[in-house]
Every structure is written in C-alpha cells, then in structure tokens.
C-alpha cells in the first residue's frame, strides 16, 4: 500500500518540480560556499600581507581574523538555510 502511495507522489509533476527546485537551490548554496572558500584561499596565497595588516594601529587583530570568522559564520548560515 505504501509503495503505491510513494509511486503516486513521485510521479506527480508538482513533486518533481519541487525536487528540481530544491536541487537547484542546494547547488546554488554549495556554489556560494565554494566561491567564498576559494576566494579566501586565494587571498591567503596572493595577498598574505594584506590579510596580515592590523585592523587598527597597536592591535594584534589582523584583517584575516574577521574574514576567517565571517567565512565560518557564512558556512553555518548557508548550512542552516
């Protein structure tokens, strides 16, 4: 009985449209995360001096620290979405 219900649901065009939209959205979120991580790695590779610059004179917090934390927070947010 359940198998018949599952087949009816899977053959429904609205369900297939929902699955397609969900997959596109998941790929979009994955692509966004990939671009963010790749951009951060490129910054580390090609602009380490810029990342190592302190945010304010006399502080040990560099530009890389908030960017790295922001990347982690973005990954949590995108995973939550």
C-alpha atoms as a PDB file:
ATOM      1  CA  UNK A   1       0.000   0.000   0.000  1.00  0.00           C
ATOM      2  CA  UNK A   2       2.743   2.469   0.927  1.00  0.00           C
ATOM      3  CA  UNK A   3       4.639   1.677  -2.260  1.00  0.00           C
ATOM      4  CA  UNK A   4       1.633   2.711  -4.343  1.00  0.00           C
ATOM      5  CA  UNK A   5       1.359   5.998  -2.460  1.00  0.00           C
ATOM      6  CA  UNK A   6       5.088   6.670  -2.908  1.00  0.00           C
ATOM      7  CA  UNK A   7       4.839   6.000  -6.632  1.00  0.00           C
ATOM      8  CA  UNK A   8       1.860   8.353  -6.969  1.00  0.00           C
ATOM      9  CA  UNK A   9       3.750  11.082  -5.137  1.00  0.00           C
ATOM     10  CA  UNK A  10       6.918  10.600  -7.177  1.00  0.00           C
ATOM     11  CA  UNK A  11       5.016  10.680 -10.450  1.00  0.00           C
ATOM     12  CA  UNK A  12       3.207  13.898  -9.536  1.00  0.00           C
ATOM     13  CA  UNK A  13       4.523  16.788 -11.684  1.00  0.00           C
ATOM     14  CA  UNK A  14       4.322  19.237  -8.784  1.00  0.00           C
ATOM     15  CA  UNK A  15       6.501  16.958  -6.645  1.00  0.00           C
ATOM     16  CA  UNK A  16       9.023  16.608  -9.457  1.00  0.00           C
ATOM     17  CA  UNK A  17       9.090  20.399  -9.839  1.00  0.00           C
ATOM     18  CA  UNK A  18       9.664  20.788  -6.083  1.00  0.00           C
ATOM     19  CA  UNK A  19      12.533  18.293  -6.142  1.00  0.00           C
ATOM     20  CA  UNK A  20      14.086  20.083  -9.119  1.00  0.00           C
ATOM     21  CA  UNK A  21      13.848  23.500  -7.453  1.00  0.00           C
ATOM     22  CA  UNK A  22      15.293  22.127  -4.216  1.00  0.00           C
ATOM     23  CA  UNK A  23      18.244  20.590  -6.031  1.00  0.00           C
ATOM     24  CA  UNK A  24      18.982  23.829  -7.909  1.00  0.00           C
ATOM     25  CA  UNK A  25      18.816  25.768  -4.648  1.00  0.00           C
ATOM     26  CA  UNK A  26      21.134  23.303  -2.905  1.00  0.00           C
ATOM     27  CA  UNK A  27      23.653  23.569  -5.767  1.00  0.00           C
ATOM     28  CA  UNK A  28      23.433  27.361  -5.598  1.00  0.00           C
ATOM     29  CA  UNK A  29      24.217  27.361  -1.867  1.00  0.00           C
ATOM     30  CA  UNK A  30      27.085  24.923  -2.409  1.00  0.00           C
ATOM     31  CA  UNK A  31      28.462  27.110  -5.199  1.00  0.00           C
ATOM     32  CA  UNK A  32      28.287  30.213  -2.999  1.00  0.00           C
ATOM     33  CA  UNK A  33      30.199  28.430  -0.240  1.00  0.00           C
ATOM     34  CA  UNK A  34      32.766  27.113  -2.701  1.00  0.00           C
ATOM     35  CA  UNK A  35      33.358  30.603  -4.111  1.00  0.00           C
ATOM     36  CA  UNK A  36      33.740  32.072  -0.620  1.00  0.00           C
ATOM     37  CA  UNK A  37      36.258  29.440   0.476  1.00  0.00           C
ATOM     38  CA  UNK A  38      38.166  29.616  -2.797  1.00  0.00           C
ATOM     39  CA  UNK A  39      38.349  33.429  -2.585  1.00  0.00           C
ATOM     40  CA  UNK A  40      39.675  33.186   0.974  1.00  0.00           C
ATOM     41  CA  UNK A  41      42.338  30.671  -0.047  1.00  0.00           C
ATOM     42  CA  UNK A  42      43.330  32.909  -2.971  1.00  0.00           C
ATOM     43  CA  UNK A  43      43.661  35.831  -0.569  1.00  0.00           C
ATOM     44  CA  UNK A  44      45.910  33.732   1.648  1.00  0.00           C
ATOM     45  CA  UNK A  45      48.010  32.705  -1.352  1.00  0.00           C
ATOM     46  CA  UNK A  46      48.306  36.020  -3.160  1.00  0.00           C
ATOM     47  CA  UNK A  47      47.739  38.728  -0.546  1.00  0.00           C
ATOM     48  CA  UNK A  48      49.124  37.482   2.773  1.00  0.00           C
ATOM     49  CA  UNK A  49      50.484  40.941   3.614  1.00  0.00           C
ATOM     50  CA  UNK A  50      47.031  42.476   3.199  1.00  0.00           C
ATOM     51  CA  UNK A  51      45.477  39.808   5.432  1.00  0.00           C
ATOM     52  CA  UNK A  52      48.233  40.303   7.997  1.00  0.00           C
ATOM     53  CA  UNK A  53      47.646  44.044   8.275  1.00  0.00           C
ATOM     54  CA  UNK A  54      46.264  45.011  11.709  1.00  0.00           C
ATOM     55  CA  UNK A  55      42.752  46.440  11.792  1.00  0.00           C
ATOM     56  CA  UNK A  56      43.869  49.360  13.969  1.00  0.00           C
ATOM     57  CA  UNK A  57      47.334  50.592  14.896  1.00  0.00           C
ATOM     58  CA  UNK A  58      48.586  48.933  18.069  1.00  0.00           C
ATOM     59  CA  UNK A  59      46.262  45.913  17.906  1.00  0.00           C
ATOM     60  CA  UNK A  60      47.152  42.325  17.160  1.00  0.00           C
ATOM     61  CA  UNK A  61      43.861  41.618  15.360  1.00  0.00           C
ATOM     62  CA  UNK A  62      44.527  41.433  11.638  1.00  0.00           C
ATOM     63  CA  UNK A  63      42.154  41.614   8.676  1.00  0.00           C
ATOM     64  CA  UNK A  64      42.355  37.853   8.250  1.00  0.00           C
ATOM     65  CA  UNK A  65      40.779  37.076  11.620  1.00  0.00           C
ATOM     66  CA  UNK A  66      37.363  38.693  10.996  1.00  0.00           C
ATOM     67  CA  UNK A  67      37.388  37.379   7.428  1.00  0.00           C
ATOM     68  CA  UNK A  68      38.030  33.844   8.660  1.00  0.00           C
ATOM     69  CA  UNK A  69      35.359  34.138  11.342  1.00  0.00           C
ATOM     70  CA  UNK A  70      32.978  35.582   8.761  1.00  0.00           C
ATOM     71  CA  UNK A  71      33.636  32.622   6.499  1.00  0.00           C
ATOM     72  CA  UNK A  72      32.816  30.202   9.304  1.00  0.00           C
ATOM     73  CA  UNK A  73      29.656  32.122  10.176  1.00  0.00           C
ATOM     74  CA  UNK A  74      28.637  32.189   6.498  1.00  0.00           C
ATOM     75  CA  UNK A  75      29.060  28.426   6.302  1.00  0.00           C
ATOM     76  CA  UNK A  76      26.796  27.967   9.330  1.00  0.00           C
ATOM     77  CA  UNK A  77      24.195  30.310   7.871  1.00  0.00           C
ATOM     78  CA  UNK A  78      24.215  28.650   4.458  1.00  0.00           C
ATOM     79  CA  UNK A  79      24.019  25.225   6.067  1.00  0.00           C
ATOM     80  CA  UNK A  80      21.074  26.401   8.162  1.00  0.00           C
ATOM     81  CA  UNK A  81      19.292  27.727   5.114  1.00  0.00           C
END
